Structures are given as C-alpha cells and as structure tokens.
Amino acid sequence: MITDRDIVLRCVATESDPQSTRVREIMTRGVVSVSPDDDVREAAHKMAHEQVRRLPVVSAGGSVVGMLSLGDMAKSRALEMEAANALSEISVNIKKV
C-alpha cells in the first residue's frame, strides 16, 4: 500500500526524485487489513494498536473491496467514541516511519 504520507515522508522529505522513485521503494509493507464482516469496534482497536488511520477492507478472496478510515467512523454518531479513542492512541504513540 502507498499513501500520501508515504510519498511525503519517504520521497519528498528525503528529496528523492518522484519521477524516478518506484512505488516499491517507499510503500508501506505488512499492511494490516479487515474483512467486510469484521466488527467496526475491532477495526478501531486495530487502528489504535497498529497506529494507522486507514484500513483496507479485503474480501475472503484477497481483493480490496474498500477502505475504512477514522473519518468514516467519526461520521457515524454510534462510533464517534471509538474513532476518537483510536485517534488518541495513534497520536500519543506515533510510530517512526
């Protein structure tokens, strides 16, 4: 997976040339994901534990069928607290890239 954060931190900030940098050089490896049938609260826990703001939603066949973000959860009043707690955990325990 590659995110805007990967591009900024691993390419732009290191003054690498974006036109000659390959995705494989700056992408995030070991991506954590959820399935469409997983509980959203468990997804929020994964986000907090892994310190990520987005999780790919992957089908049983291995296809990416969506992306779940903290923003998605924050839009739902029922999940507002889970999103806030996950963001708090991510912000307090920021991983180095």
PDB file of N, CA and C in Angstrom:
ATOM      1  N   MET A   1       0.852  -1.160   0.000  1.00  0.00           N
ATOM      2  CA  MET A   1       0.000   0.000   0.000  1.00  0.00           C
ATOM      3  C   MET A   1       0.900   1.226   0.000  1.00  0.00           C
ATOM      4  N   ILE A   2       0.435   2.233  -0.684  1.00  0.00           N
ATOM      5  CA  ILE A   2       1.134   3.516  -0.651  1.00  0.00           C
ATOM      6  C   ILE A   2       0.124   4.600  -0.328  1.00  0.00           C
ATOM      7  N   THR A   3       0.522   5.491   0.561  1.00  0.00           N
ATOM      8  CA  THR A   3      -0.351   6.582   0.971  1.00  0.00           C
ATOM      9  C   THR A   3       0.333   7.913   0.692  1.00  0.00           C
ATOM     10  N   ASP A   4      -0.429   8.974   0.815  1.00  0.00           N
ATOM     11  CA  ASP A   4       0.148  10.304   0.662  1.00  0.00           C
ATOM     12  C   ASP A   4       1.247  10.528   1.695  1.00  0.00           C
ATOM     13  N   ARG A   5       1.081   9.974   2.879  1.00  0.00           N
ATOM     14  CA  ARG A   5       2.095  10.104   3.930  1.00  0.00           C
ATOM     15  C   ARG A   5       3.395   9.406   3.520  1.00  0.00           C
ATOM     16  N   ASP A   6       3.290   8.227   2.913  1.00  0.00           N
ATOM     17  CA  ASP A   6       4.483   7.522   2.416  1.00  0.00           C
ATOM     18  C   ASP A   6       5.235   8.386   1.411  1.00  0.00           C
ATOM     19  N   ILE A   7       4.501   8.987   0.503  1.00  0.00           N
ATOM     20  CA  ILE A   7       5.121   9.820  -0.536  1.00  0.00           C
ATOM     21  C   ILE A   7       5.825  11.017   0.088  1.00  0.00           C
ATOM     22  N   VAL A   8       5.150  11.680   1.019  1.00  0.00           N
ATOM     23  CA  VAL A   8       5.745  12.867   1.640  1.00  0.00           C
ATOM     24  C   VAL A   8       6.963  12.500   2.488  1.00  0.00           C
ATOM     25  N   LEU A   9       6.819  11.509   3.361  1.00  0.00           N
ATOM     26  CA  LEU A   9       7.910  11.189   4.286  1.00  0.00           C
ATOM     27  C   LEU A   9       9.067  10.425   3.653  1.00  0.00           C
ATOM     28  N   ARG A  10       8.764   9.564   2.711  1.00  0.00           N
ATOM     29  CA  ARG A  10       9.818   8.698   2.166  1.00  0.00           C
ATOM     30  C   ARG A  10      10.338   9.136   0.809  1.00  0.00           C
ATOM     31  N   CYS A  11       9.715  10.125   0.221  1.00  0.00           N
ATOM     32  CA  CYS A  11      10.168  10.605  -1.085  1.00  0.00           C
ATOM     33  C   CYS A  11      10.454  12.098  -1.027  1.00  0.00           C
ATOM     34  N   VAL A  12       9.431  12.884  -0.807  1.00  0.00           N
ATOM     35  CA  VAL A  12       9.593  14.343  -0.822  1.00  0.00           C
ATOM     36  C   VAL A  12      10.539  14.815   0.278  1.00  0.00           C
ATOM     37  N   ALA A  13      10.320  14.354   1.517  1.00  0.00           N
ATOM     38  CA  ALA A  13      11.142  14.807   2.640  1.00  0.00           C
ATOM     39  C   ALA A  13      12.604  14.380   2.508  1.00  0.00           C
ATOM     40  N   THR A  14      12.852  13.288   1.799  1.00  0.00           N
ATOM     41  CA  THR A  14      14.234  12.828   1.605  1.00  0.00           C
ATOM     42  C   THR A  14      14.832  13.392   0.326  1.00  0.00           C
ATOM     43  N   GLU A  15      14.055  14.271  -0.311  1.00  0.00           N
ATOM     44  CA  GLU A  15      14.466  14.933  -1.549  1.00  0.00           C
ATOM     45  C   GLU A  15      14.781  13.950  -2.681  1.00  0.00           C
ATOM     46  N   SER A  16      14.063  12.819  -2.678  1.00  0.00           N
ATOM     47  CA  SER A  16      14.174  11.872  -3.789  1.00  0.00           C
ATOM     48  C   SER A  16      13.370  12.402  -4.970  1.00  0.00           C
ATOM     49  N   ASP A  17      13.731  11.980  -6.154  1.00  0.00           N
ATOM     50  CA  ASP A  17      13.032  12.413  -7.361  1.00  0.00           C
ATOM     51  C   ASP A  17      11.780  11.566  -7.551  1.00  0.00           C
ATOM     52  N   PRO A  18      10.580  12.158  -7.415  1.00  0.00           N
ATOM     53  CA  PRO A  18       9.340  11.394  -7.573  1.00  0.00           C
ATOM     54  C   PRO A  18       9.204  10.727  -8.942  1.00  0.00           C
ATOM     55  N   GLN A  19       9.834  11.310  -9.961  1.00  0.00           N
ATOM     56  CA  GLN A  19       9.714  10.728 -11.300  1.00  0.00           C
ATOM     57  C   GLN A  19      10.563   9.472 -11.466  1.00  0.00           C
ATOM     58  N   SER A  20      11.590   9.316 -10.638  1.00  0.00           N
ATOM     59  CA  SER A  20      12.425   8.122 -10.777  1.00  0.00           C
ATOM     60  C   SER A  20      12.282   7.167  -9.594  1.00  0.00           C
ATOM     61  N   THR A  21      11.530   7.552  -8.577  1.00  0.00           N
ATOM     62  CA  THR A  21      11.316   6.695  -7.413  1.00  0.00           C
ATOM     63  C   THR A  21      10.217   5.695  -7.711  1.00  0.00           C
ATOM     64  N   ARG A  22      10.476   4.440  -7.444  1.00  0.00           N
ATOM     65  CA  ARG A  22       9.489   3.373  -7.662  1.00  0.00           C
ATOM     66  C   ARG A  22       8.628   3.213  -6.413  1.00  0.00           C
ATOM     67  N   VAL A  23       7.385   2.855  -6.617  1.00  0.00           N
ATOM     68  CA  VAL A  23       6.449   2.658  -5.514  1.00  0.00           C
ATOM     69  C   VAL A  23       7.029   1.676  -4.503  1.00  0.00           C
ATOM     70  N   ARG A  24       7.630   0.596  -4.968  1.00  0.00           N
ATOM     71  CA  ARG A  24       8.156  -0.429  -4.062  1.00  0.00           C
ATOM     72  C   ARG A  24       9.216   0.122  -3.107  1.00  0.00           C
ATOM     73  N   GLU A  25       9.832   1.230  -3.458  1.00  0.00           N
ATOM     74  CA  GLU A  25      10.872   1.822  -2.617  1.00  0.00           C
ATOM     75  C   GLU A  25      10.301   2.586  -1.422  1.00  0.00           C
ATOM     76  N   ILE A  26       9.073   3.057  -1.525  1.00  0.00           N
ATOM     77  CA  ILE A  26       8.519   3.903  -0.461  1.00  0.00           C
ATOM     78  C   ILE A  26       7.191   3.407   0.111  1.00  0.00           C
ATOM     79  N   MET A  27       6.659   2.322  -0.414  1.00  0.00           N
ATOM     80  CA  MET A  27       5.350   1.845   0.035  1.00  0.00           C
ATOM     81  C   MET A  27       5.415   1.260   1.443  1.00  0.00           C
ATOM     82  N   THR A  28       4.274   1.206   2.083  1.00  0.00           N
ATOM     83  CA  THR A  28       4.139   0.579   3.387  1.00  0.00           C
ATOM     84  C   THR A  28       4.024  -0.925   3.179  1.00  0.00           C
ATOM     85  N   ARG A  29       4.811  -1.662   3.919  1.00  0.00           N
ATOM     86  CA  ARG A  29       4.779  -3.135   3.848  1.00  0.00           C
ATOM     87  C   ARG A  29       4.067  -3.682   5.091  1.00  0.00           C
ATOM     88  N   GLY A  30       3.653  -4.919   5.021  1.00  0.00           N
ATOM     89  CA  GLY A  30       2.993  -5.535   6.169  1.00  0.00           C
ATOM     90  C   GLY A  30       1.704  -4.836   6.546  1.00  0.00           C
ATOM     91  N   VAL A  31       0.886  -4.564   5.569  1.00  0.00           N
ATOM     92  CA  VAL A  31      -0.352  -3.812   5.770  1.00  0.00           C
ATOM     93  C   VAL A  31      -1.357  -4.638   6.580  1.00  0.00           C
ATOM     94  N   VAL A  32      -1.949  -4.001   7.565  1.00  0.00           N
ATOM     95  CA  VAL A  32      -2.999  -4.616   8.376  1.00  0.00           C
ATOM     96  C   VAL A  32      -4.317  -4.323   7.684  1.00  0.00           C
ATOM     97  N   SER A  33      -5.203  -5.306   7.654  1.00  0.00           N
ATOM     98  CA  SER A  33      -6.493  -5.113   6.977  1.00  0.00           C
ATOM     99  C   SER A  33      -7.626  -5.708   7.808  1.00  0.00           C
ATOM    100  N   VAL A  34      -8.841  -5.471   7.351  1.00  0.00           N
ATOM    101  CA  VAL A  34     -10.037  -6.059   7.949  1.00  0.00           C
ATOM    102  C   VAL A  34     -10.859  -6.692   6.845  1.00  0.00           C
ATOM    103  N   SER A  35     -11.777  -7.557   7.241  1.00  0.00           N
ATOM    104  CA  SER A  35     -12.690  -8.142   6.258  1.00  0.00           C
ATOM    105  C   SER A  35     -14.010  -7.384   6.330  1.00  0.00           C
ATOM    106  N   PRO A  36     -14.831  -7.485   5.295  1.00  0.00           N
ATOM    107  CA  PRO A  36     -16.117  -6.782   5.311  1.00  0.00           C
ATOM    108  C   PRO A  36     -17.018  -7.209   6.473  1.00  0.00           C
ATOM    109  N   ASP A  37     -16.788  -8.395   7.012  1.00  0.00           N
ATOM    110  CA  ASP A  37     -17.628  -8.914   8.091  1.00  0.00           C
ATOM    111  C   ASP A  37     -17.088  -8.619   9.488  1.00  0.00           C
ATOM    112  N   ASP A  38     -15.914  -8.007   9.590  1.00  0.00           N
ATOM    113  CA  ASP A  38     -15.344  -7.689  10.896  1.00  0.00           C
ATOM    114  C   ASP A  38     -16.161  -6.620  11.604  1.00  0.00           C
ATOM    115  N   ASP A  39     -16.119  -6.627  12.923  1.00  0.00           N
ATOM    116  CA  ASP A  39     -16.785  -5.638  13.752  1.00  0.00           C
ATOM    117  C   ASP A  39     -16.021  -4.309  13.672  1.00  0.00           C
ATOM    118  N   VAL A  40     -16.735  -3.205  13.561  1.00  0.00           N
ATOM    119  CA  VAL A  40     -16.113  -1.893  13.429  1.00  0.00           C
ATOM    120  C   VAL A  40     -15.323  -1.525  14.686  1.00  0.00           C
ATOM    121  N   ARG A  41     -15.797  -1.922  15.830  1.00  0.00           N
ATOM    122  CA  ARG A  41     -15.058  -1.631  17.056  1.00  0.00           C
ATOM    123  C   ARG A  41     -13.711  -2.351  17.065  1.00  0.00           C
ATOM    124  N   GLU A  42     -13.681  -3.555  16.553  1.00  0.00           N
ATOM    125  CA  GLU A  42     -12.414  -4.281  16.433  1.00  0.00           C
ATOM    126  C   GLU A  42     -11.505  -3.581  15.428  1.00  0.00           C
ATOM    127  N   ALA A  43     -12.072  -3.058  14.366  1.00  0.00           N
ATOM    128  CA  ALA A  43     -11.279  -2.301  13.386  1.00  0.00           C
ATOM    129  C   ALA A  43     -10.666  -1.068  14.052  1.00  0.00           C
ATOM    130  N   ALA A  44     -11.420  -0.379  14.884  1.00  0.00           N
ATOM    131  CA  ALA A  44     -10.903   0.791  15.601  1.00  0.00           C
ATOM    132  C   ALA A  44      -9.767   0.385  16.530  1.00  0.00           C
ATOM    133  N   HIS A  45      -9.914  -0.761  17.178  1.00  0.00           N
ATOM    134  CA  HIS A  45      -8.856  -1.275  18.053  1.00  0.00           C
ATOM    135  C   HIS A  45      -7.594  -1.569  17.240  1.00  0.00           C
ATOM    136  N   LYS A  46      -7.755  -2.176  16.063  1.00  0.00           N
ATOM    137  CA  LYS A  46      -6.606  -2.457  15.191  1.00  0.00           C
ATOM    138  C   LYS A  46      -5.915  -1.161  14.777  1.00  0.00           C
ATOM    139  N   MET A  47      -6.723  -0.157  14.424  1.00  0.00           N
ATOM    140  CA  MET A  47      -6.143   1.128  14.038  1.00  0.00           C
ATOM    141  C   MET A  47      -5.300   1.700  15.166  1.00  0.00           C
ATOM    142  N   ALA A  48      -5.836   1.660  16.377  1.00  0.00           N
ATOM    143  CA  ALA A  48      -5.111   2.190  17.532  1.00  0.00           C
ATOM    144  C   ALA A  48      -3.845   1.382  17.794  1.00  0.00           C
ATOM    145  N   HIS A  49      -3.966   0.077  17.780  1.00  0.00           N
ATOM    146  CA  HIS A  49      -2.819  -0.796  18.067  1.00  0.00           C
ATOM    147  C   HIS A  49      -1.725  -0.657  17.015  1.00  0.00           C
ATOM    148  N   GLU A  50      -2.119  -0.593  15.753  1.00  0.00           N
ATOM    149  CA  GLU A  50      -1.149  -0.509  14.654  1.00  0.00           C
ATOM    150  C   GLU A  50      -0.780   0.930  14.296  1.00  0.00           C
ATOM    151  N   GLN A  51      -1.447   1.888  14.928  1.00  0.00           N
ATOM    152  CA  GLN A  51      -1.211   3.314  14.718  1.00  0.00           C
ATOM    153  C   GLN A  51      -1.392   3.718  13.251  1.00  0.00           C
ATOM    154  N   VAL A  52      -2.534   3.329  12.703  1.00  0.00           N
ATOM    155  CA  VAL A  52      -2.888   3.694  11.334  1.00  0.00           C
ATOM    156  C   VAL A  52      -4.247   4.371  11.327  1.00  0.00           C
ATOM    157  N   ARG A  53      -4.452   5.222  10.344  1.00  0.00           N
ATOM    158  CA  ARG A  53      -5.724   5.950  10.238  1.00  0.00           C
ATOM    159  C   ARG A  53      -6.658   5.360   9.195  1.00  0.00           C
ATOM    160  N   ARG A  54      -6.152   4.389   8.438  1.00  0.00           N
ATOM    161  CA  ARG A  54      -6.950   3.746   7.391  1.00  0.00           C
ATOM    162  C   ARG A  54      -6.660   2.249   7.389  1.00  0.00           C
ATOM    163  N   LEU A  55      -7.692   1.464   7.103  1.00  0.00           N
ATOM    164  CA  LEU A  55      -7.529   0.020   6.953  1.00  0.00           C
ATOM    165  C   LEU A  55      -8.160  -0.429   5.645  1.00  0.00           C
ATOM    166  N   PRO A  56      -7.406  -1.152   4.813  1.00  0.00           N
ATOM    167  CA  PRO A  56      -8.024  -1.736   3.629  1.00  0.00           C
ATOM    168  C   PRO A  56      -9.042  -2.797   4.067  1.00  0.00           C
ATOM    169  N   VAL A  57     -10.134  -2.866   3.358  1.00  0.00           N
ATOM    170  CA  VAL A  57     -11.140  -3.893   3.598  1.00  0.00           C
ATOM    171  C   VAL A  57     -10.938  -4.934   2.505  1.00  0.00           C
ATOM    172  N   VAL A  58     -10.574  -6.159   2.922  1.00  0.00           N
ATOM    173  CA  VAL A  58     -10.175  -7.199   1.975  1.00  0.00           C
ATOM    174  C   VAL A  58     -11.142  -8.372   2.059  1.00  0.00           C
ATOM    175  N   SER A  59     -11.631  -8.805   0.898  1.00  0.00           N
ATOM    176  CA  SER A  59     -12.564  -9.932   0.839  1.00  0.00           C
ATOM    177  C   SER A  59     -11.832 -11.238   1.115  1.00  0.00           C
ATOM    178  N   ALA A  60     -12.601 -12.290   1.325  1.00  0.00           N
ATOM    179  CA  ALA A  60     -12.022 -13.618   1.577  1.00  0.00           C
ATOM    180  C   ALA A  60     -11.141 -14.064   0.415  1.00  0.00           C
ATOM    181  N   GLY A  61     -11.435 -13.583  -0.784  1.00  0.00           N
ATOM    182  CA  GLY A  61     -10.647 -13.933  -1.955  1.00  0.00           C
ATOM    183  C   GLY A  61      -9.372 -13.115  -2.104  1.00  0.00           C
ATOM    184  N   GLY A  62      -9.177 -12.141  -1.213  1.00  0.00           N
ATOM    185  CA  GLY A  62      -7.959 -11.335  -1.247  1.00  0.00           C
ATOM    186  C   GLY A  62      -8.061 -10.031  -2.018  1.00  0.00           C
ATOM    187  N   SER A  63      -9.251  -9.712  -2.510  1.00  0.00           N
ATOM    188  CA  SER A  63      -9.431  -8.455  -3.248  1.00  0.00           C
ATOM    189  C   SER A  63      -9.752  -7.314  -2.298  1.00  0.00           C
ATOM    190  N   VAL A  64      -9.170  -6.159  -2.560  1.00  0.00           N
ATOM    191  CA  VAL A  64      -9.510  -4.968  -1.786  1.00  0.00           C
ATOM    192  C   VAL A  64     -10.878  -4.495  -2.265  1.00  0.00           C
ATOM    193  N   VAL A  65     -11.822  -4.422  -1.328  1.00  0.00           N
ATOM    194  CA  VAL A  65     -13.186  -4.035  -1.686  1.00  0.00           C
ATOM    195  C   VAL A  65     -13.562  -2.673  -1.105  1.00  0.00           C
ATOM    196  N   GLY A  66     -12.648  -2.091  -0.330  1.00  0.00           N
ATOM    197  CA  GLY A  66     -12.919  -0.785   0.243  1.00  0.00           C
ATOM    198  C   GLY A  66     -11.804  -0.337   1.158  1.00  0.00           C
ATOM    199  N   MET A  67     -12.026   0.829   1.741  1.00  0.00           N
ATOM    200  CA  MET A  67     -11.065   1.404   2.676  1.00  0.00           C
ATOM    201  C   MET A  67     -11.868   1.997   3.825  1.00  0.00           C
ATOM    202  N   LEU A  68     -11.502   1.662   5.048  1.00  0.00           N
ATOM    203  CA  LEU A  68     -12.162   2.194   6.233  1.00  0.00           C
ATOM    204  C   LEU A  68     -11.221   3.199   6.874  1.00  0.00           C
ATOM    205  N   SER A  69     -11.715   4.410   7.134  1.00  0.00           N
ATOM    206  CA  SER A  69     -10.877   5.435   7.743  1.00  0.00           C
ATOM    207  C   SER A  69     -11.477   5.881   9.074  1.00  0.00           C
ATOM    208  N   LEU A  70     -10.629   6.516   9.879  1.00  0.00           N
ATOM    209  CA  LEU A  70     -11.140   7.101  11.116  1.00  0.00           C
ATOM    210  C   LEU A  70     -12.232   8.114  10.811  1.00  0.00           C
ATOM    211  N   GLY A  71     -12.079   8.830   9.703  1.00  0.00           N
ATOM    212  CA  GLY A  71     -13.094   9.795   9.291  1.00  0.00           C
ATOM    213  C   GLY A  71     -14.436   9.142   9.040  1.00  0.00           C
ATOM    214  N   ASP A  72     -14.415   7.946   8.431  1.00  0.00           N
ATOM    215  CA  ASP A  72     -15.661   7.209   8.199  1.00  0.00           C
ATOM    216  C   ASP A  72     -16.357   6.916   9.528  1.00  0.00           C
ATOM    217  N   MET A  73     -15.560   6.465  10.500  1.00  0.00           N
ATOM    218  CA  MET A  73     -16.140   6.130  11.800  1.00  0.00           C
ATOM    219  C   MET A  73     -16.617   7.381  12.528  1.00  0.00           C
ATOM    220  N   ALA A  74     -15.892   8.477  12.393  1.00  0.00           N
ATOM    221  CA  ALA A  74     -16.266   9.715  13.077  1.00  0.00           C
ATOM    222  C   ALA A  74     -17.588  10.265  12.554  1.00  0.00           C
ATOM    223  N   LYS A  75     -17.907   9.964  11.298  1.00  0.00           N
ATOM    224  CA  LYS A  75     -19.167  10.444  10.712  1.00  0.00           C
ATOM    225  C   LYS A  75     -20.372   9.740  11.312  1.00  0.00           C
ATOM    226  N   SER A  76     -20.152   8.562  11.879  1.00  0.00           N
ATOM    227  CA  SER A  76     -21.239   7.803  12.485  1.00  0.00           C
ATOM    228  C   SER A  76     -21.318   8.138  13.968  1.00  0.00           C
ATOM    229  N   ARG A  77     -22.424   8.706  14.392  1.00  0.00           N
ATOM    230  CA  ARG A  77     -22.582   9.078  15.813  1.00  0.00           C
ATOM    231  C   ARG A  77     -22.387   7.866  16.725  1.00  0.00           C
ATOM    232  N   ALA A  78     -22.805   6.700  16.271  1.00  0.00           N
ATOM    233  CA  ALA A  78     -22.690   5.496  17.092  1.00  0.00           C
ATOM    234  C   ALA A  78     -21.235   5.100  17.317  1.00  0.00           C
ATOM    235  N   LEU A  79     -20.343   5.511  16.418  1.00  0.00           N
ATOM    236  CA  LEU A  79     -18.939   5.108  16.516  1.00  0.00           C
ATOM    237  C   LEU A  79     -18.012   6.268  16.833  1.00  0.00           C
ATOM    238  N   GLU A  80     -18.582   7.402  17.160  1.00  0.00           N
ATOM    239  CA  GLU A  80     -17.798   8.609  17.411  1.00  0.00           C
ATOM    240  C   GLU A  80     -16.732   8.384  18.484  1.00  0.00           C
ATOM    241  N   MET A  81     -17.089   7.721  19.575  1.00  0.00           N
ATOM    242  CA  MET A  81     -16.152   7.497  20.677  1.00  0.00           C
ATOM    243  C   MET A  81     -15.023   6.557  20.257  1.00  0.00           C
ATOM    244  N   GLU A  82     -15.330   5.505  19.498  1.00  0.00           N
ATOM    245  CA  GLU A  82     -14.294   4.582  19.046  1.00  0.00           C
ATOM    246  C   GLU A  82     -13.279   5.289  18.158  1.00  0.00           C
ATOM    247  N   ALA A  83     -13.778   6.129  17.260  1.00  0.00           N
ATOM    248  CA  ALA A  83     -12.883   6.882  16.377  1.00  0.00           C
ATOM    249  C   ALA A  83     -12.009   7.828  17.191  1.00  0.00           C
ATOM    250  N   ALA A  84     -12.596   8.506  18.148  1.00  0.00           N
ATOM    251  CA  ALA A  84     -11.831   9.436  18.979  1.00  0.00           C
ATOM    252  C   ALA A  84     -10.773   8.695  19.797  1.00  0.00           C
ATOM    253  N   ASN A  85     -11.146   7.556  20.366  1.00  0.00           N
ATOM    254  CA  ASN A  85     -10.181   6.775  21.147  1.00  0.00           C
ATOM    255  C   ASN A  85      -9.038   6.271  20.278  1.00  0.00           C
ATOM    256  N   ALA A  86      -9.360   5.778  19.079  1.00  0.00           N
ATOM    257  CA  ALA A  86      -8.320   5.281  18.171  1.00  0.00           C
ATOM    258  C   ALA A  86      -7.385   6.414  17.776  1.00  0.00           C
ATOM    259  N   LEU A  87      -7.934   7.582  17.439  1.00  0.00           N
ATOM    260  CA  LEU A  87      -7.102   8.718  17.055  1.00  0.00           C
ATOM    261  C   LEU A  87      -6.206   9.145  18.218  1.00  0.00           C
ATOM    262  N   SER A  88      -6.741   9.125  19.411  1.00  0.00           N
ATOM    263  CA  SER A  88      -5.959   9.480  20.588  1.00  0.00           C
ATOM    264  C   SER A  88      -4.779   8.528  20.756  1.00  0.00           C
ATOM    265  N   GLU A  89      -5.020   7.237  20.616  1.00  0.00           N
ATOM    266  CA  GLU A  89      -3.949   6.236  20.733  1.00  0.00           C
ATOM    267  C   GLU A  89      -2.907   6.408  19.632  1.00  0.00           C
ATOM    268  N   ILE A  90      -3.357   6.693  18.426  1.00  0.00           N
ATOM    269  CA  ILE A  90      -2.438   6.885  17.306  1.00  0.00           C
ATOM    270  C   ILE A  90      -1.572   8.110  17.547  1.00  0.00           C
ATOM    271  N   SER A  91      -2.185   9.175  18.007  1.00  0.00           N
ATOM    272  CA  SER A  91      -1.464  10.432  18.209  1.00  0.00           C
ATOM    273  C   SER A  91      -0.467  10.359  19.359  1.00  0.00           C
ATOM    274  N   VAL A  92      -0.798   9.630  20.405  1.00  0.00           N
ATOM    275  CA  VAL A  92       0.087   9.524  21.564  1.00  0.00           C
ATOM    276  C   VAL A  92       1.272   8.625  21.268  1.00  0.00           C
ATOM    277  N   ASN A  93       1.069   7.587  20.513  1.00  0.00           N
ATOM    278  CA  ASN A  93       2.105   6.575  20.276  1.00  0.00           C
ATOM    279  C   ASN A  93       2.558   6.563  18.831  1.00  0.00           C
ATOM    280  N   ILE A  94       2.966   7.683  18.285  1.00  0.00           N
ATOM    281  CA  ILE A  94       3.319   7.793  16.878  1.00  0.00           C
ATOM    282  C   ILE A  94       4.537   6.940  16.561  1.00  0.00           C
ATOM    283  N   LYS A  95       4.373   6.048  15.565  1.00  0.00           N
ATOM    284  CA  LYS A  95       5.477   5.200  15.115  1.00  0.00           C
ATOM    285  C   LYS A  95       6.397   5.990  14.202  1.00  0.00           C
ATOM    286  N   LYS A  96       7.660   5.690  14.247  1.00  0.00           N
ATOM    287  CA  LYS A  96       8.606   6.269  13.301  1.00  0.00           C
ATOM    288  C   LYS A  96       8.459   5.516  11.992  1.00  0.00           C
ATOM    289  N   VAL A  97       8.586   6.222  10.875  1.00  0.00           N
ATOM    290  CA  VAL A  97       8.439   5.609   9.559  1.00  0.00           C
ATOM    291  C   VAL A  97       9.726   4.939   9.160  1.00  0.00           C
TER     292      VAL A  97
END
